[in-house]
Amino acid sequence: MATSIPLTMERGQAEGARKHTVPQFVKIGPVSLRVLTIASLASLLLFYLAQTTQSATTSYDVQSLDAKQQELSQDVEWMQLEAQRLQTLGAIQQGLGTSLATDFEAVKDVKAVE
């Protein structure tokens, strides 16, 4: 069995006393309705603005990270090519060995034309 407790405007609860309850309906006039409508629309617009700003910020971060990833992948490709070039130079020097120093003659006299 459910017991209902009326909301009263009086402090005392004397047995058998008439209780004045709080009205169940709230009347809203035209000015209050306009203010509530404007406040509701403003809160919805602020929510929309916050969501849009957050998605734009996230999109900007993603684009920035994509650009950085492309730059780093280009650096990796350049470093791989540089490593191959250096390995090739090392192989050429090993292949030539001491013949590199013996195949050339020292220059004795240099003449410059002016």
C-alpha atoms as a PDB file:
ATOM      1  CA  MET A   1       0.000   0.000   0.000  1.00  0.00           C
ATOM      2  CA  ALA A   2       1.529   3.292  -1.159  1.00  0.00           C
ATOM      3  CA  THR A   3       1.303   6.353   1.015  1.00  0.00           C
ATOM      4  CA  SER A   4       1.129   9.736  -0.640  1.00  0.00           C
ATOM      5  CA  ILE A   5       2.702  12.687   1.086  1.00  0.00           C
ATOM      6  CA  PRO A   6       1.263  16.034   0.002  1.00  0.00           C
ATOM      7  CA  LEU A   7       3.646  18.940  -0.424  1.00  0.00           C
ATOM      8  CA  THR A   8       2.317  21.666   1.804  1.00  0.00           C
ATOM      9  CA  MET A   9       3.168  25.258   2.381  1.00  0.00           C
ATOM     10  CA  GLU A  10       2.702  24.925   6.121  1.00  0.00           C
ATOM     11  CA  ARG A  11       5.284  23.656   8.564  1.00  0.00           C
ATOM     12  CA  GLY A  12       3.123  21.890  11.068  1.00  0.00           C
ATOM     13  CA  GLN A  13       1.249  18.699  10.424  1.00  0.00           C
ATOM     14  CA  ALA A  14      -1.616  18.661  12.878  1.00  0.00           C
ATOM     15  CA  GLU A  15      -4.004  15.748  12.608  1.00  0.00           C
ATOM     16  CA  GLY A  16      -7.247  16.767  10.936  1.00  0.00           C
ATOM     17  CA  ALA A  17      -5.979  20.220   9.946  1.00  0.00           C
ATOM     18  CA  ARG A  18      -6.573  21.402   6.424  1.00  0.00           C
ATOM     19  CA  LYS A  19      -3.387  21.437   4.408  1.00  0.00           C
ATOM     20  CA  HIS A  20      -2.685  23.884   1.626  1.00  0.00           C
ATOM     21  CA  THR A  21      -0.782  22.038  -1.059  1.00  0.00           C
ATOM     22  CA  VAL A  22       1.553  23.511  -3.627  1.00  0.00           C
ATOM     23  CA  PRO A  23      -0.208  23.961  -6.984  1.00  0.00           C
ATOM     24  CA  GLN A  24       0.525  21.185  -9.455  1.00  0.00           C
ATOM     25  CA  PHE A  25       0.427  23.394 -12.540  1.00  0.00           C
ATOM     26  CA  VAL A  26       2.627  26.350 -13.240  1.00  0.00           C
ATOM     27  CA  LYS A  27       1.201  29.077 -15.411  1.00  0.00           C
ATOM     28  CA  ILE A  28       3.571  30.680 -17.893  1.00  0.00           C
ATOM     29  CA  GLY A  29       2.782  34.016 -19.450  1.00  0.00           C
ATOM     30  CA  PRO A  30       3.795  35.141 -22.957  1.00  0.00           C
ATOM     31  CA  VAL A  31       6.902  36.986 -21.770  1.00  0.00           C
ATOM     32  CA  SER A  32       8.112  34.014 -19.725  1.00  0.00           C
ATOM     33  CA  LEU A  33       7.449  31.734 -22.683  1.00  0.00           C
ATOM     34  CA  ARG A  34       9.566  33.957 -24.936  1.00  0.00           C
ATOM     35  CA  VAL A  35      12.396  34.077 -22.405  1.00  0.00           C
ATOM     36  CA  LEU A  36      12.354  30.292 -21.992  1.00  0.00           C
ATOM     37  CA  THR A  37      12.275  29.806 -25.776  1.00  0.00           C
ATOM     38  CA  ILE A  38      15.201  32.166 -26.308  1.00  0.00           C
ATOM     39  CA  ALA A  39      17.171  30.524 -23.479  1.00  0.00           C
ATOM     40  CA  SER A  40      16.491  27.065 -24.934  1.00  0.00           C
ATOM     41  CA  LEU A  41      17.556  28.120 -28.428  1.00  0.00           C
ATOM     42  CA  ALA A  42      20.675  29.810 -27.065  1.00  0.00           C
ATOM     43  CA  SER A  43      21.683  26.686 -25.151  1.00  0.00           C
ATOM     44  CA  LEU A  44      21.124  24.515 -28.247  1.00  0.00           C
ATOM     45  CA  LEU A  45      23.192  26.898 -30.375  1.00  0.00           C
ATOM     46  CA  LEU A  46      26.008  26.885 -27.819  1.00  0.00           C
ATOM     47  CA  PHE A  47      25.963  23.091 -27.785  1.00  0.00           C
ATOM     48  CA  TYR A  48      26.104  23.039 -31.608  1.00  0.00           C
ATOM     49  CA  LEU A  49      28.958  25.539 -31.620  1.00  0.00           C
ATOM     50  CA  ALA A  50      30.928  23.503 -29.090  1.00  0.00           C
ATOM     51  CA  GLN A  51      30.476  20.311 -31.131  1.00  0.00           C
ATOM     52  CA  THR A  52      31.485  22.040 -34.367  1.00  0.00           C
ATOM     53  CA  THR A  53      34.565  23.579 -32.782  1.00  0.00           C
ATOM     54  CA  GLN A  54      35.613  20.247 -31.312  1.00  0.00           C
ATOM     55  CA  SER A  55      35.247  18.435 -34.644  1.00  0.00           C
ATOM     56  CA  ALA A  56      37.159  21.194 -36.469  1.00  0.00           C
ATOM     57  CA  THR A  57      39.976  20.999 -33.934  1.00  0.00           C
ATOM     58  CA  THR A  58      40.130  17.227 -34.277  1.00  0.00           C
ATOM     59  CA  SER A  59      40.182  17.510 -38.072  1.00  0.00           C
ATOM     60  CA  TYR A  60      43.028  20.031 -37.895  1.00  0.00           C
ATOM     61  CA  ASP A  61      45.018  17.717 -35.606  1.00  0.00           C
ATOM     62  CA  VAL A  62      44.510  14.785 -37.983  1.00  0.00           C
ATOM     63  CA  GLN A  63      45.672  16.854 -40.976  1.00  0.00           C
ATOM     64  CA  SER A  64      48.721  18.019 -39.042  1.00  0.00           C
ATOM     65  CA  LEU A  65      49.633  14.448 -38.107  1.00  0.00           C
ATOM     66  CA  ASP A  66      49.159  13.283 -41.723  1.00  0.00           C
ATOM     67  CA  ALA A  67      51.508  16.007 -42.970  1.00  0.00           C
ATOM     68  CA  LYS A  68      54.097  15.041 -40.352  1.00  0.00           C
ATOM     69  CA  GLN A  69      53.771  11.367 -41.325  1.00  0.00           C
ATOM     70  CA  GLN A  70      54.379  12.200 -45.000  1.00  0.00           C
ATOM     71  CA  GLU A  71      57.410  14.292 -44.107  1.00  0.00           C
ATOM     72  CA  LEU A  72      58.850  11.498 -41.982  1.00  0.00           C
ATOM     73  CA  SER A  73      58.246   8.884 -44.691  1.00  0.00           C
ATOM     74  CA  GLN A  74      60.094  11.117 -47.193  1.00  0.00           C
ATOM     75  CA  ASP A  75      62.972  11.411 -44.715  1.00  0.00           C
ATOM     76  CA  VAL A  76      63.071   7.621 -44.379  1.00  0.00           C
ATOM     77  CA  GLU A  77      63.189   7.176 -48.171  1.00  0.00           C
ATOM     78  CA  TRP A  78      65.988   9.759 -48.460  1.00  0.00           C
ATOM     79  CA  MET A  79      67.976   8.049 -45.701  1.00  0.00           C
ATOM     80  CA  GLN A  80      67.560   4.648 -47.362  1.00  0.00           C
ATOM     81  CA  LEU A  81      68.858   6.061 -50.670  1.00  0.00           C
ATOM     82  CA  GLU A  82      71.762   7.716 -48.863  1.00  0.00           C
ATOM     83  CA  ALA A  83      72.608   4.432 -47.117  1.00  0.00           C
ATOM     84  CA  GLN A  84      72.598   2.599 -50.463  1.00  0.00           C
ATOM     85  CA  ARG A  85      74.827   5.276 -52.012  1.00  0.00           C
ATOM     86  CA  LEU A  86      77.313   5.024 -49.147  1.00  0.00           C
ATOM     87  CA  GLN A  87      77.329   1.222 -49.365  1.00  0.00           C
ATOM     88  CA  THR A  88      78.017   1.480 -53.096  1.00  0.00           C
ATOM     89  CA  LEU A  89      80.951   3.868 -52.535  1.00  0.00           C
ATOM     90  CA  GLY A  90      82.347   1.504 -49.919  1.00  0.00           C
ATOM     91  CA  ALA A  91      82.084  -1.432 -52.338  1.00  0.00           C
ATOM     92  CA  ILE A  92      83.854   0.558 -55.071  1.00  0.00           C
ATOM     93  CA  GLN A  93      86.688   1.493 -52.734  1.00  0.00           C
ATOM     94  CA  GLN A  94      87.077  -2.117 -51.603  1.00  0.00           C
ATOM     95  CA  GLY A  95      87.063  -3.310 -55.216  1.00  0.00           C
ATOM     96  CA  LEU A  96      89.772  -0.880 -56.220  1.00  0.00           C
ATOM     97  CA  GLY A  97      91.859  -1.528 -53.141  1.00  0.00           C
ATOM     98  CA  THR A  98      95.501  -0.470 -53.499  1.00  0.00           C
ATOM     99  CA  SER A  99      95.265  -0.027 -57.271  1.00  0.00           C
ATOM    100  CA  LEU A 100      93.647   3.346 -56.649  1.00  0.00           C
ATOM    101  CA  ALA A 101      96.881   4.698 -55.209  1.00  0.00           C
ATOM    102  CA  THR A 102      99.192   3.009 -57.774  1.00  0.00           C
ATOM    103  CA  ASP A 103      97.322   3.863 -60.989  1.00  0.00           C
ATOM    104  CA  PHE A 104      97.849   7.598 -60.687  1.00  0.00           C
ATOM    105  CA  GLU A 105     101.068   9.591 -60.868  1.00  0.00           C
ATOM    106  CA  ALA A 106     101.916  12.522 -58.688  1.00  0.00           C
ATOM    107  CA  VAL A 107     101.818  15.905 -60.380  1.00  0.00           C
ATOM    108  CA  LYS A 108     105.255  17.473 -60.705  1.00  0.00           C
ATOM    109  CA  ASP A 109     104.642  20.732 -62.470  1.00  0.00           C
ATOM    110  CA  VAL A 110     101.330  22.575 -62.704  1.00  0.00           C
ATOM    111  CA  LYS A 111     100.931  25.244 -65.354  1.00  0.00           C
ATOM    112  CA  ALA A 112      97.970  27.565 -65.271  1.00  0.00           C
ATOM    113  CA  VAL A 113      96.684  29.430 -68.304  1.00  0.00           C
ATOM    114  CA  GLU A 114      95.498  32.921 -67.633  1.00  0.00           C
END
